[in-house]
Amino acid sequence: MAKKEKKQVCSRLGAVGGQAVLEGIMMRSKNRYTTAVRKLDTGEIVRSSSEVKSVSDKHKWMKLPLVRGVVNFIDTMKLSYSTLTFSAEAQGMDEEPETKFEKWLVEKFGEKLMAVVALIGTVLGLGVAVVLFMWLPKFLSDLVFPVAVSRFLNALMQGVLRIFIFVSYIALVSLMKDMRRTFEYHGAEHKSIFCYEAGEPLTVENIRKKSRFHPRCGTSFFFVMMLLGILLSVFLNFIPLPEGGLSNVLYTLMKLLTLPIVVGVGYEIIRFAGRHDNAFVRLLTAPGLWMQRLTTREPDDAQIEVAIVALKSALCEEFGEEQVFEGIAQPQKPAEETSAEAQDA
């Protein structure tokens, strides 16, 4: 019996992942994902589910190590559009426009407005990330340690500055009320996944006892990527540079071209860490777990209930629809589950 339970627990490791959204959580299994959101006005939990569709299902070579990390990153970005759009619409952010500009946007884009807003926000976010984590560290490092003086110190300082900017940014946004609630849902996501991986019943009581720090978290992934970026920058020191070094524009382009390598390696590290527990893995994932003290917070019971609904819905083949709201104290009237395809129609 003990061997059977141990095998069941091991099979659950890495079987499901997720992310926090606006007043809710998205959970993703191998075949299905669900976004569950609690409406602020009624307290009702609404859901949107769909099958997981990845380009790697058609091209098996995309599931190879290193390559699958890049494919998974792109799939995650695409999935974020739909989950963020659904969570925003569930809170009534698609209500009747008031200003002339808002009315023009609605007339121009119609039902696709929230998707367009999410796309613009993502593009702007990526632009800010390039400036903050690539251009700015390079600019400041060139002032203190010019490449002509020491390429090694220049690369090392860039890495230290990236980590400092990242930690400072997270610390600042965590002061915002809405972000604090999102971080609480993030904690509920981690706790519920831990409970599921341990093979325990998904109840509020069991989940509350679990840790909110998970080694297979996106925070850990980004931190690992930054550490890998430092190592890659040091390695690039051995490549001969043209006289006068690289301009900030060319350097930024070079870093962007090497980003798939960093993403691929970082994904394999986080994947390995999520399936193993030993001293080496704990040391490797320690910085990311420390960062989760900022990006996760202890959730309340209502937020844990949302995590349970999202997790059970994503694993409907295991739990069944009749168990999704089982044990939920105040689900009120469960909304009919809508599919992503129906929303797009």
Protein backbone atom coordinates (compact mmCIF):
# COMPACT_ATOMS: atom_id res chain seq x y z
CA MET A 1 0.00 0.00 0.00
CA ALA A 2 2.83 2.40 0.88
CA LYS A 3 4.49 1.80 -2.50
CA LYS A 4 1.21 2.44 -4.30
CA GLU A 5 0.67 5.75 -2.47
CA LYS A 6 4.26 6.81 -3.13
CA LYS A 7 3.85 6.04 -6.84
CA GLN A 8 0.63 8.07 -6.94
CA VAL A 9 2.30 11.07 -5.28
CA CYS A 10 5.28 10.91 -7.66
CA SER A 11 2.96 10.82 -10.69
CA ARG A 12 1.33 14.04 -9.49
CA LEU A 13 4.57 16.01 -9.30
CA GLY A 14 4.57 18.55 -12.12
CA ALA A 15 1.18 17.34 -13.36
CA VAL A 16 -0.45 20.72 -12.86
CA GLY A 17 0.65 24.34 -12.75
CA GLY A 18 -1.01 27.70 -12.63
CA GLN A 19 -0.91 31.44 -12.19
CA ALA A 20 -2.80 34.12 -10.28
CA VAL A 21 -5.07 36.47 -12.20
CA LEU A 22 -7.35 39.34 -11.20
CA GLU A 23 -9.36 38.00 -8.22
CA GLY A 24 -8.78 34.45 -9.36
CA ILE A 25 -6.51 31.63 -10.42
CA MET A 26 -5.76 29.75 -13.64
CA MET A 27 -4.86 26.08 -13.29
CA ARG A 28 -3.45 24.05 -16.15
CA SER A 29 -3.12 20.28 -16.44
CA LYS A 30 -1.76 18.27 -19.33
CA ASN A 31 -5.03 18.31 -21.27
CA ARG A 32 -7.09 21.17 -19.89
CA TYR A 33 -6.92 24.59 -18.25
CA THR A 34 -9.46 26.46 -16.13
CA THR A 35 -9.63 30.05 -14.93
CA ALA A 36 -11.74 30.50 -11.81
CA VAL A 37 -12.63 33.99 -10.61
CA ARG A 38 -14.66 35.19 -7.65
CA LYS A 39 -16.87 38.13 -8.61
CA LEU A 40 -16.47 40.99 -6.15
CA ASP A 41 -20.08 42.13 -6.40
CA THR A 42 -21.81 38.78 -5.75
CA GLY A 43 -19.10 36.51 -4.33
CA GLU A 44 -19.96 33.97 -7.02
CA ILE A 45 -17.19 31.81 -8.49
CA VAL A 46 -17.30 31.75 -12.31
CA ARG A 47 -15.16 29.58 -14.56
CA SER A 48 -13.86 29.33 -18.07
CA SER A 49 -12.31 26.09 -19.29
CA SER A 50 -10.83 24.76 -22.50
CA GLU A 51 -8.58 22.04 -23.78
CA VAL A 52 -4.86 22.71 -23.84
CA LYS A 53 -3.70 23.09 -27.42
CA SER A 54 0.01 23.35 -28.07
CA VAL A 55 1.91 23.39 -31.33
CA SER A 56 4.21 20.77 -29.80
CA ASP A 57 1.35 18.25 -30.03
CA LYS A 58 1.73 18.36 -33.82
CA HIS A 59 5.53 18.53 -33.88
CA LYS A 60 7.13 16.01 -31.54
CA TRP A 61 10.60 17.58 -31.89
CA MET A 62 9.26 20.59 -30.00
CA LYS A 63 9.05 18.40 -26.90
CA LEU A 64 12.80 17.81 -26.87
CA PRO A 65 14.77 19.16 -23.88
CA LEU A 66 15.66 22.88 -24.17
CA VAL A 67 13.27 23.31 -27.12
CA ARG A 68 10.21 22.50 -25.00
CA GLY A 69 11.09 25.31 -22.61
CA VAL A 70 10.85 27.94 -25.35
CA VAL A 71 7.62 26.42 -26.71
CA ASN A 72 6.12 26.30 -23.22
CA PHE A 73 7.07 29.94 -22.61
CA ILE A 74 5.29 31.03 -25.81
CA ASP A 75 2.23 28.89 -24.96
CA THR A 76 2.12 30.47 -21.50
CA MET A 77 2.22 33.98 -22.95
CA LYS A 78 -0.64 33.16 -25.32
CA LEU A 79 -2.66 31.57 -22.53
CA SER A 80 -2.19 34.66 -20.37
CA TYR A 81 -4.16 36.74 -22.90
CA SER A 82 -7.31 34.66 -22.49
CA THR A 83 -7.05 34.21 -18.72
CA LEU A 84 -6.44 37.90 -17.99
CA THR A 85 -9.20 38.91 -20.38
CA PHE A 86 -11.69 36.54 -18.73
CA SER A 87 -10.78 37.68 -15.20
CA ALA A 88 -11.16 41.34 -16.18
CA GLU A 89 -14.53 40.75 -17.85
CA ALA A 90 -15.75 38.78 -14.82
CA GLN A 91 -15.19 41.86 -12.66
CA GLY A 92 -17.21 44.06 -15.01
CA MET A 93 -14.27 45.86 -16.63
CA ASP A 94 -16.04 45.60 -19.98
CA GLU A 95 -18.96 47.76 -18.81
CA GLU A 96 -20.52 50.59 -20.82
CA PRO A 97 -17.84 53.11 -21.91
CA GLU A 98 -18.03 56.65 -20.56
CA THR A 99 -15.50 58.79 -22.44
CA LYS A 100 -15.38 59.46 -26.19
CA PHE A 101 -12.08 57.59 -26.43
CA GLU A 102 -13.56 54.53 -24.70
CA LYS A 103 -16.58 54.63 -27.03
CA TRP A 104 -14.25 54.82 -30.05
CA LEU A 105 -12.33 51.78 -28.81
CA VAL A 106 -15.54 49.81 -28.40
CA GLU A 107 -16.76 50.78 -31.88
CA LYS A 108 -13.38 49.92 -33.37
CA PHE A 109 -12.69 46.58 -31.68
CA GLY A 110 -16.08 45.45 -30.34
CA GLU A 111 -16.01 42.25 -28.29
CA LYS A 112 -12.28 41.88 -28.92
CA LEU A 113 -11.52 45.05 -26.94
CA MET A 114 -10.30 43.30 -23.78
CA ALA A 115 -8.03 41.05 -25.85
CA VAL A 116 -6.59 44.11 -27.61
CA VAL A 117 -6.02 45.88 -24.28
CA ALA A 118 -4.28 42.77 -22.91
CA LEU A 119 -2.09 42.58 -26.03
CA ILE A 120 -1.11 46.25 -25.79
CA GLY A 121 -0.34 45.84 -22.10
CA THR A 122 1.87 42.82 -22.81
CA VAL A 123 3.77 44.62 -25.57
CA LEU A 124 4.32 47.64 -23.33
CA GLY A 125 5.37 45.35 -20.50
CA LEU A 126 7.93 43.62 -22.69
CA GLY A 127 9.25 47.01 -23.80
CA VAL A 128 9.65 48.15 -20.20
CA ALA A 129 11.35 44.85 -19.35
CA VAL A 130 13.90 45.32 -22.15
CA VAL A 131 14.68 48.83 -20.93
CA LEU A 132 14.88 47.92 -17.23
CA PHE A 133 16.64 44.57 -17.43
CA MET A 134 18.80 44.91 -20.54
CA TRP A 135 19.44 48.49 -21.59
CA LEU A 136 19.63 50.21 -18.17
CA PRO A 137 22.06 47.71 -16.52
CA LYS A 138 24.31 47.89 -19.61
CA PHE A 139 24.23 51.71 -19.57
CA LEU A 140 25.08 51.96 -15.86
CA SER A 141 27.76 49.26 -16.03
CA ASP A 142 29.49 51.04 -18.90
CA LEU A 143 29.68 54.16 -16.73
CA VAL A 144 31.26 52.38 -13.76
CA PHE A 145 33.24 49.56 -15.41
CA PRO A 146 33.74 50.32 -19.12
CA VAL A 147 34.37 47.30 -21.34
CA ALA A 148 37.85 48.66 -22.09
CA VAL A 149 38.69 48.44 -18.37
CA SER A 150 37.22 45.03 -17.53
CA ARG A 151 34.71 43.05 -19.55
CA PHE A 152 34.31 40.61 -16.66
CA LEU A 153 33.44 43.27 -14.07
CA ASN A 154 31.15 44.95 -16.60
CA ALA A 155 29.19 41.72 -17.15
CA LEU A 156 29.12 40.92 -13.43
CA MET A 157 27.79 44.36 -12.52
CA GLN A 158 25.07 44.07 -15.16
CA GLY A 159 23.86 40.86 -13.54
CA VAL A 160 23.88 42.35 -10.05
CA LEU A 161 21.96 45.40 -11.28
CA ARG A 162 19.33 43.21 -12.98
CA ILE A 163 18.71 41.32 -9.76
CA PHE A 164 18.57 44.57 -7.76
CA ILE A 165 16.09 46.14 -10.20
CA PHE A 166 13.95 43.00 -10.23
CA VAL A 167 13.78 42.72 -6.44
CA SER A 168 13.12 46.46 -6.06
CA TYR A 169 10.35 46.36 -8.67
CA ILE A 170 8.59 43.43 -6.98
CA ALA A 171 8.94 45.07 -3.56
CA LEU A 172 7.37 48.30 -4.83
CA VAL A 173 4.42 46.73 -6.66
CA SER A 174 3.70 44.54 -3.61
CA LEU A 175 2.72 47.75 -1.79
CA MET A 176 -0.28 48.18 -4.12
CA LYS A 177 -3.56 46.85 -2.72
CA ASP A 178 -4.62 45.05 -5.90
CA MET A 179 -1.20 43.42 -6.26
CA ARG A 180 -1.30 42.26 -2.64
CA ARG A 181 -4.55 40.44 -3.37
CA THR A 182 -3.05 38.93 -6.52
CA PHE A 183 -0.08 37.72 -4.46
CA GLU A 184 -2.55 36.18 -1.99
CA TYR A 185 -4.16 34.24 -4.83
CA HIS A 186 -0.63 33.28 -5.89
CA GLY A 187 -0.12 31.80 -2.43
CA ALA A 188 -3.44 29.93 -2.68
CA GLU A 189 -2.33 28.48 -6.02
CA HIS A 190 0.92 27.14 -4.57
CA LYS A 191 -0.72 25.73 -1.45
CA SER A 192 -3.42 23.89 -3.38
CA ILE A 193 -0.88 22.38 -5.79
CA PHE A 194 1.24 21.21 -2.86
CA CYS A 195 -1.85 19.59 -1.33
CA TYR A 196 -2.71 17.83 -4.58
CA GLU A 197 0.87 16.62 -5.10
CA ALA A 198 0.87 15.23 -1.54
CA GLY A 199 -2.20 13.13 -2.42
CA GLU A 200 -4.36 14.75 0.27
CA PRO A 201 -8.04 15.71 -0.08
CA LEU A 202 -8.44 19.22 -1.50
CA THR A 203 -10.07 20.94 1.47
CA VAL A 204 -9.52 24.43 2.84
CA GLU A 205 -8.15 22.95 6.07
CA ASN A 206 -5.58 20.73 4.31
CA ILE A 207 -4.49 23.41 1.86
CA ARG A 208 -4.02 26.07 4.54
CA LYS A 209 -1.36 23.90 6.23
CA LYS A 210 0.80 23.75 3.10
CA SER A 211 3.68 26.06 2.22
CA ARG A 212 3.11 28.98 -0.12
CA PHE A 213 6.66 28.64 -1.49
CA HIS A 214 6.85 26.29 -4.49
CA PRO A 215 10.11 25.45 -6.35
CA ARG A 216 8.34 25.23 -9.73
CA CYS A 217 7.10 28.81 -9.64
CA GLY A 218 7.37 31.48 -12.33
CA THR A 219 9.18 33.70 -9.82
CA SER A 220 11.85 31.05 -9.40
CA PHE A 221 11.97 30.64 -13.17
CA PHE A 222 12.70 34.33 -13.76
CA PHE A 223 15.30 34.37 -11.00
CA VAL A 224 17.04 31.32 -12.48
CA MET A 225 16.95 33.05 -15.88
CA MET A 226 18.74 36.08 -14.44
CA LEU A 227 21.43 33.91 -12.86
CA LEU A 228 21.88 32.08 -16.17
CA GLY A 229 22.05 35.46 -17.89
CA ILE A 230 24.98 36.42 -15.67
CA LEU A 231 26.82 33.21 -16.56
CA LEU A 232 26.09 33.74 -20.24
CA SER A 233 27.37 37.32 -20.09
CA VAL A 234 30.59 36.12 -18.51
CA PHE A 235 30.93 33.49 -21.24
CA LEU A 236 30.43 36.13 -23.91
CA ASN A 237 33.50 37.91 -22.54
CA PHE A 238 35.63 35.40 -24.45
CA ILE A 239 34.14 36.51 -27.79
CA PRO A 240 36.32 39.14 -29.52
CA LEU A 241 34.64 42.53 -29.76
CA PRO A 242 35.07 45.13 -32.47
CA GLU A 243 37.14 48.18 -31.62
CA GLY A 244 35.19 50.39 -29.25
CA GLY A 245 32.94 47.50 -28.12
CA LEU A 246 29.26 47.01 -28.88
CA SER A 247 26.71 49.80 -28.79
CA ASN A 248 23.82 49.46 -26.36
CA VAL A 249 21.46 48.70 -29.26
CA LEU A 250 23.63 45.89 -30.66
CA TYR A 251 24.24 44.53 -27.16
CA THR A 252 20.49 44.47 -26.44
CA LEU A 253 19.85 42.67 -29.74
CA MET A 254 22.54 40.11 -28.90
CA LYS A 255 20.97 39.47 -25.48
CA LEU A 256 17.57 39.04 -27.10
CA LEU A 257 19.01 36.49 -29.54
CA THR A 258 20.46 34.47 -26.64
CA LEU A 259 17.18 34.66 -24.68
CA PRO A 260 15.82 31.36 -26.09
CA ILE A 261 18.91 29.57 -24.73
CA VAL A 262 18.38 31.06 -21.28
CA VAL A 263 14.65 30.24 -21.36
CA GLY A 264 15.29 26.66 -22.48
CA VAL A 265 17.92 25.94 -19.82
CA GLY A 266 15.94 27.75 -17.11
CA TYR A 267 12.85 25.68 -17.88
CA GLU A 268 14.78 22.42 -17.57
CA ILE A 269 16.18 23.51 -14.20
CA ILE A 270 12.75 24.41 -12.82
CA ARG A 271 11.26 21.22 -14.27
CA PHE A 272 13.98 19.15 -12.59
CA ALA A 273 13.53 21.03 -9.31
CA GLY A 274 9.80 20.41 -9.33
CA ARG A 275 10.31 16.65 -9.56
CA HIS A 276 13.21 16.20 -7.11
CA ASP A 277 13.98 17.11 -3.54
CA ASN A 278 17.61 16.95 -2.47
CA ALA A 279 20.31 19.26 -1.13
CA PHE A 280 21.51 20.35 -4.58
CA VAL A 281 18.00 21.23 -5.76
CA ARG A 282 17.23 23.11 -2.55
CA LEU A 283 20.41 25.16 -2.98
CA LEU A 284 19.65 25.83 -6.64
CA THR A 285 16.08 27.00 -6.01
CA ALA A 286 16.76 28.88 -2.76
CA PRO A 287 16.99 32.38 -4.35
CA GLY A 288 13.67 31.92 -6.15
CA LEU A 289 12.01 30.66 -2.97
CA TRP A 290 13.32 33.72 -1.10
CA MET A 291 11.76 35.94 -3.76
CA GLN A 292 8.42 34.23 -3.22
CA ARG A 293 8.29 35.90 0.18
CA LEU A 294 7.47 39.00 -1.85
CA THR A 295 5.39 37.49 -4.68
CA THR A 296 3.16 35.29 -2.49
CA ARG A 297 1.11 36.04 0.60
CA GLU A 298 -1.05 33.95 2.90
CA PRO A 299 -4.52 33.62 1.33
CA ASP A 300 -7.88 33.68 3.09
CA ASP A 301 -10.39 30.84 2.94
CA ALA A 302 -12.37 32.42 0.09
CA GLN A 303 -9.25 32.60 -2.08
CA ILE A 304 -8.37 29.00 -1.27
CA GLU A 305 -11.87 27.98 -2.38
CA VAL A 306 -11.23 29.61 -5.77
CA ALA A 307 -7.99 27.61 -6.05
CA ILE A 308 -9.88 24.38 -5.30
CA VAL A 309 -12.48 25.09 -7.98
CA ALA A 310 -9.79 25.94 -10.55
CA LEU A 311 -7.69 22.88 -9.72
CA LYS A 312 -10.54 20.38 -9.73
CA SER A 313 -11.95 21.84 -12.95
CA ALA A 314 -8.56 21.58 -14.66
CA LEU A 315 -8.38 17.94 -13.53
CA CYS A 316 -12.00 17.11 -14.37
CA GLU A 317 -11.07 13.62 -15.60
CA GLU A 318 -9.84 12.80 -12.09
CA PHE A 319 -12.39 14.63 -9.94
CA GLY A 320 -15.48 14.91 -12.10
CA GLU A 321 -17.79 17.90 -12.44
CA GLU A 322 -19.86 16.88 -9.42
CA GLN A 323 -16.86 17.29 -7.10
CA VAL A 324 -15.78 20.75 -8.28
CA PHE A 325 -17.83 22.69 -5.69
CA GLU A 326 -17.74 19.96 -3.07
CA GLY A 327 -16.72 21.42 0.32
CA ILE A 328 -16.93 25.02 -0.87
CA ALA A 329 -18.58 26.95 1.95
CA GLN A 330 -20.26 29.72 -0.07
CA PRO A 331 -20.14 28.95 -3.78
CA GLN A 332 -23.61 30.48 -4.12
CA LYS A 333 -25.06 29.50 -7.47
CA PRO A 334 -22.31 27.85 -9.54
CA ALA A 335 -22.22 29.53 -12.92
CA GLU A 336 -22.44 27.37 -15.97
CA GLU A 337 -18.97 26.59 -17.19
CA THR A 338 -18.16 28.31 -20.46
CA SER A 339 -15.56 27.22 -22.96
CA ALA A 340 -12.96 29.44 -24.52
CA GLU A 341 -14.32 28.51 -27.92
CA ALA A 342 -17.79 29.72 -26.95
CA GLN A 343 -16.38 33.03 -25.79
CA ASP A 344 -14.58 33.56 -29.08
CA ALA A 345 -17.65 32.73 -31.14
